[in-house]
Amino acid sequence: MLIDAFRYAGLAAKVSMLMGVLPLALAVVYAIWPTEQRLTLMRPLSLATIFAALSGTVLGVLNVFLYMSRSEPPTFSHVAVLGLSEALFPTFLGFGLLTAAWLCVALGLWRRP
C-alpha cells in the first residue's frame, strides 16, 4: 500500500517525501562521528523536511479538491477519500523520518566527548 502511494505520486510529491532522507543520512553520520558542524546542519535540514512534508500534503489536498470540483455533480466520493488519505502520506513519511533522525542525533549527543 505504501509502495503504491509512492509509485503513483507526482514529481513534487516524491521530492517532498524524499526530503526526509537528507536529515536522516546526516543524523546517522552524526551518530557515528559527532561534530558541532553536523549538529548545526540538522536544524535547517529538519525545517526543510517539515516544510516539504506540509507542502506535499497541501498539494495532495488541492488535487483532491480539483478532482471533486470537476466531477458531475461535485461530490465527496470514495475516490476523494482515497486521495485525501494519500495526500497525508508525505506528512507521515516526513515526520517519521525526522523522528528516526533525531533519535540518531540523541545517540550522537550521548556518544559525544
Protein backbone atom coordinates (compact mmCIF):
# COMPACT_ATOMS: atom_id res chain seq x y z
CA MET A 1 0.00 0.00 0.00
CA LEU A 2 2.76 2.49 0.89
CA ILE A 3 4.73 1.48 -2.20
CA ASP A 4 1.66 2.15 -4.35
CA ALA A 5 1.25 5.61 -2.82
CA PHE A 6 4.82 6.44 -3.75
CA ARG A 7 4.59 4.86 -7.22
CA TYR A 8 1.54 6.88 -8.25
CA ALA A 9 2.73 10.14 -6.72
CA GLY A 10 3.81 13.01 -8.95
CA LEU A 11 7.27 14.54 -9.04
CA ALA A 12 6.50 17.25 -6.46
CA ALA A 13 5.09 14.70 -4.03
CA LYS A 14 8.10 12.40 -4.47
CA VAL A 15 10.52 15.25 -3.81
CA SER A 16 8.59 16.30 -0.71
CA MET A 17 8.62 12.71 0.57
CA LEU A 18 12.30 12.06 -0.15
CA MET A 19 13.42 15.30 1.50
CA GLY A 20 13.32 13.49 4.84
CA VAL A 21 16.14 11.19 3.77
CA LEU A 22 18.70 14.04 3.94
CA PRO A 23 18.41 14.77 7.67
CA LEU A 24 18.27 11.05 8.41
CA ALA A 25 21.50 10.44 6.50
CA LEU A 26 23.18 13.36 8.25
CA ALA A 27 21.93 12.13 11.62
CA VAL A 28 23.37 8.67 11.03
CA VAL A 29 26.72 10.25 10.14
CA TYR A 30 26.46 12.42 13.25
CA ALA A 31 25.72 9.39 15.42
CA ILE A 32 28.91 7.75 14.15
CA TRP A 33 31.17 10.83 14.01
CA PRO A 34 29.63 13.61 16.16
CA THR A 35 30.85 17.12 15.34
CA GLU A 36 29.38 20.53 16.04
CA GLN A 37 29.17 21.34 12.31
CA ARG A 38 27.00 18.28 11.59
CA LEU A 39 24.74 19.07 14.52
CA THR A 40 24.35 22.65 13.26
CA LEU A 41 23.14 21.38 9.88
CA MET A 42 20.34 19.33 11.45
CA ARG A 43 18.15 22.34 12.21
CA PRO A 44 17.86 23.74 8.66
CA LEU A 45 17.51 20.26 7.16
CA SER A 46 14.78 19.43 9.67
CA LEU A 47 12.92 22.63 8.84
CA ALA A 48 13.25 21.91 5.12
CA THR A 49 11.78 18.44 5.70
CA ILE A 50 8.87 19.86 7.70
CA PHE A 51 8.09 22.43 5.01
CA ALA A 52 8.43 19.84 2.23
CA ALA A 53 6.10 17.42 4.02
CA LEU A 54 3.50 20.10 4.62
CA SER A 55 3.67 21.44 1.07
CA GLY A 56 3.39 17.90 -0.32
CA THR A 57 0.29 17.31 1.78
CA VAL A 58 -1.28 20.62 0.78
CA LEU A 59 -0.58 19.83 -2.87
CA GLY A 60 -2.33 16.48 -2.48
CA VAL A 61 -5.36 18.07 -0.82
CA LEU A 62 -5.54 20.70 -3.57
CA ASN A 63 -5.52 17.95 -6.19
CA VAL A 64 -8.37 16.18 -4.40
CA PHE A 65 -10.40 19.40 -4.32
CA LEU A 66 -9.68 19.92 -8.02
CA TYR A 67 -10.90 16.38 -8.77
CA MET A 68 -14.03 16.91 -6.69
CA SER A 69 -14.84 20.17 -8.46
CA ARG A 70 -14.58 18.56 -11.89
CA SER A 71 -16.88 15.62 -11.16
CA GLU A 72 -20.53 15.92 -12.12
CA PRO A 73 -22.14 16.62 -9.72
CA PRO A 74 -19.37 17.70 -7.35
CA THR A 75 -19.44 15.09 -4.60
CA PHE A 76 -17.30 13.70 -1.82
CA SER A 77 -16.81 10.20 -3.24
CA HIS A 78 -14.74 7.20 -2.20
CA VAL A 79 -12.10 8.31 -4.72
CA ALA A 80 -11.82 11.66 -2.94
CA VAL A 81 -11.41 9.91 0.41
CA LEU A 82 -8.67 7.72 -1.06
CA GLY A 83 -7.00 10.83 -2.47
CA LEU A 84 -7.11 12.57 0.90
CA SER A 85 -5.57 9.56 2.59
CA GLU A 86 -2.76 9.53 0.03
CA ALA A 87 -2.33 13.28 0.47
CA LEU A 88 -1.43 12.70 4.12
CA PHE A 89 1.38 10.30 3.21
CA PRO A 90 4.12 12.96 2.73
CA THR A 91 3.49 14.27 6.24
CA PHE A 92 3.53 10.78 7.71
CA LEU A 93 6.76 9.88 5.96
CA GLY A 94 8.48 13.21 6.62
CA PHE A 95 7.76 13.22 10.33
CA GLY A 96 8.59 9.52 10.64
CA LEU A 97 11.99 10.09 9.06
CA LEU A 98 12.56 13.13 11.27
CA THR A 99 11.78 11.03 14.34
CA ALA A 100 14.40 8.48 13.33
CA ALA A 101 16.87 11.27 12.51
CA TRP A 102 16.53 12.98 15.87
CA LEU A 103 16.90 9.65 17.66
CA CYS A 104 20.21 9.25 15.86
CA VAL A 105 21.16 12.78 16.93
CA ALA A 106 20.34 11.87 20.52
CA LEU A 107 22.62 8.86 20.19
CA GLY A 108 25.37 11.08 18.81
CA LEU A 109 24.94 13.56 21.66
CA TRP A 110 25.21 10.70 24.14
CA ARG A 111 28.41 9.46 22.49
CA ARG A 112 29.94 12.92 22.11
CA PRO A 113 33.00 13.56 24.26
